[in-house]
Amino acid sequence: MKFPVVVGLGVDITRISRFSRLLSRPDSARFLQRVLHPTENDKFNRLELSSRPQFVAGCWAAKEAVFKTLDAEDQKVFSFNSWSRRTVGQKPEIVNDAHLDKFLLSISHDDDILVATVLRQRLIET
């Protein structure tokens, strides 16, 4: 039988206003290409302008939190745009096709502050 075991915990906190400034810059498309997975980029393009900074801040913080759960070898090859946020049932996750572990995601925000927490789980045979 397999049981989930926690193998990492990552947290990141950021200001949404930072991403408002980044998105107003002329080189923001290049930044978005580096940070957003193609499915996230599609969603970003469908959002109202006022919702975009919070969305990008959430993507950024989630991926920073994932990075903090990884070992040194995985951190060396980490790429922001290879990870994407999704919801399975009612459970938000962040996924990458190269990882078998599960990365559970929680994002909270209040006013200008956004925090992302990622719990990395691995199924262990008992």
Protein backbone atom coordinates (compact mmCIF):
# COMPACT_ATOMS: atom_id res chain seq x y z
CA MET A 1 0.00 0.00 0.00
CA LYS A 2 1.23 3.53 -0.76
CA PHE A 3 1.00 6.50 1.60
CA PRO A 4 1.77 10.18 0.94
CA VAL A 5 4.78 11.51 2.82
CA VAL A 6 5.73 15.19 3.04
CA VAL A 7 9.17 15.70 1.48
CA GLY A 8 9.20 19.49 1.24
CA LEU A 9 7.50 22.71 2.23
CA GLY A 10 7.97 26.05 0.50
CA VAL A 11 6.51 29.49 1.15
CA ASP A 12 6.82 32.75 -0.77
CA ILE A 13 5.36 36.17 -0.09
CA THR A 14 5.22 39.06 -2.54
CA ARG A 15 3.54 42.38 -3.22
CA ILE A 16 0.98 42.45 -6.02
CA SER A 17 1.96 46.07 -6.78
CA ARG A 18 5.41 44.83 -7.80
CA PHE A 19 3.76 42.93 -10.65
CA SER A 20 1.62 45.92 -11.60
CA ARG A 21 4.86 47.81 -12.18
CA LEU A 22 6.45 44.89 -14.05
CA LEU A 23 3.45 44.53 -16.35
CA SER A 24 3.54 48.23 -17.23
CA ARG A 25 7.10 47.97 -18.57
CA PRO A 26 7.81 47.70 -22.30
CA ASP A 27 9.67 44.38 -21.83
CA SER A 28 6.84 42.72 -19.87
CA ALA A 29 6.12 40.22 -22.68
CA ARG A 30 9.63 38.80 -22.31
CA PHE A 31 9.17 38.52 -18.53
CA LEU A 32 5.83 36.74 -18.97
CA GLN A 33 7.34 34.29 -21.47
CA ARG A 34 9.99 33.32 -18.90
CA VAL A 35 7.55 32.99 -15.99
CA LEU A 36 4.24 31.69 -17.35
CA HIS A 37 3.56 28.19 -18.65
CA PRO A 38 1.73 28.28 -22.03
CA THR A 39 -1.58 27.35 -20.37
CA GLU A 40 -1.10 30.14 -17.83
CA ASN A 41 -0.25 32.57 -20.61
CA ASP A 42 -3.53 31.70 -22.36
CA LYS A 43 -5.44 32.36 -19.14
CA PHE A 44 -3.52 35.62 -18.58
CA ASN A 45 -4.53 36.87 -22.02
CA ARG A 46 -8.22 36.24 -21.25
CA LEU A 47 -8.15 38.16 -17.96
CA GLU A 48 -9.26 41.74 -17.49
CA LEU A 49 -6.30 44.12 -17.19
CA SER A 50 -7.08 44.79 -13.53
CA SER A 51 -6.83 41.06 -12.65
CA ARG A 52 -3.52 40.41 -14.37
CA PRO A 53 -1.08 41.60 -11.66
CA GLN A 54 -2.65 39.36 -9.00
CA PHE A 55 -2.63 36.39 -11.41
CA VAL A 56 1.05 36.84 -12.28
CA ALA A 57 1.97 37.43 -8.63
CA GLY A 58 0.24 34.14 -7.78
CA CYS A 59 2.09 32.27 -10.51
CA TRP A 60 5.41 33.77 -9.43
CA ALA A 61 4.93 33.09 -5.71
CA ALA A 62 3.70 29.53 -6.34
CA LYS A 63 6.77 28.72 -8.42
CA GLU A 64 9.12 30.34 -5.90
CA ALA A 65 7.51 28.17 -3.22
CA VAL A 66 7.97 25.06 -5.40
CA PHE A 67 11.65 25.94 -5.90
CA LYS A 68 12.10 25.94 -2.12
CA THR A 69 10.79 22.35 -1.91
CA LEU A 70 13.33 21.01 -4.43
CA ASP A 71 16.72 19.47 -3.75
CA ALA A 72 19.90 21.09 -5.09
CA GLU A 73 19.98 19.03 -8.30
CA ASP A 74 16.39 19.87 -9.23
CA GLN A 75 16.97 23.53 -8.40
CA LYS A 76 19.80 23.66 -10.96
CA VAL A 77 17.42 22.80 -13.82
CA PHE A 78 14.35 24.64 -12.50
CA SER A 79 12.49 26.71 -15.08
CA PHE A 80 9.51 28.87 -14.11
CA ASN A 81 7.66 28.32 -17.39
CA SER A 82 7.76 24.52 -17.13
CA TRP A 83 5.42 24.58 -14.10
CA SER A 84 1.70 25.34 -14.23
CA ARG A 85 -1.09 25.86 -11.73
CA ARG A 86 -4.21 23.76 -12.00
CA THR A 87 -7.12 22.61 -9.88
CA VAL A 88 -7.93 18.92 -9.56
CA GLY A 89 -11.38 18.63 -8.05
CA GLN A 90 -11.25 21.26 -5.32
CA LYS A 91 -7.50 20.92 -4.72
CA PRO A 92 -5.12 23.44 -6.29
CA GLU A 93 -1.79 22.00 -7.42
CA ILE A 94 1.23 23.11 -9.32
CA VAL A 95 2.55 20.55 -11.79
CA ASN A 96 5.51 19.71 -13.98
CA ASP A 97 5.53 16.66 -16.25
CA ALA A 98 9.04 15.69 -15.12
CA HIS A 99 8.07 15.26 -11.44
CA LEU A 100 6.12 12.34 -10.04
CA ASP A 101 5.70 14.02 -6.65
CA LYS A 102 2.52 15.94 -5.90
CA PHE A 103 2.82 19.67 -5.17
CA LEU A 104 -0.23 20.94 -3.27
CA LEU A 105 -0.76 24.69 -3.47
CA SER A 106 -2.44 27.29 -1.29
CA ILE A 107 -2.52 30.98 -2.23
CA SER A 108 -3.85 33.74 0.00
CA HIS A 109 -3.91 37.47 -0.50
CA ASP A 110 -4.90 40.52 1.47
CA ASP A 111 -4.75 43.97 -0.02
CA ASP A 112 -1.29 44.15 -1.69
CA ILE A 113 0.23 41.04 -0.08
CA LEU A 114 0.09 37.58 -1.64
CA VAL A 115 1.49 34.42 -0.07
CA ALA A 116 1.87 30.98 -1.65
CA THR A 117 2.52 27.77 0.24
CA VAL A 118 3.49 24.51 -1.47
CA LEU A 119 3.49 21.12 0.21
CA ARG A 120 5.49 18.49 -1.69
CA GLN A 121 4.28 14.91 -1.23
CA ARG A 122 5.70 11.61 -2.38
CA LEU A 123 3.91 8.26 -2.38
CA ILE A 124 5.92 5.75 -0.35
CA GLU A 125 5.38 1.99 -0.49
CA THR A 126 4.87 0.45 2.95
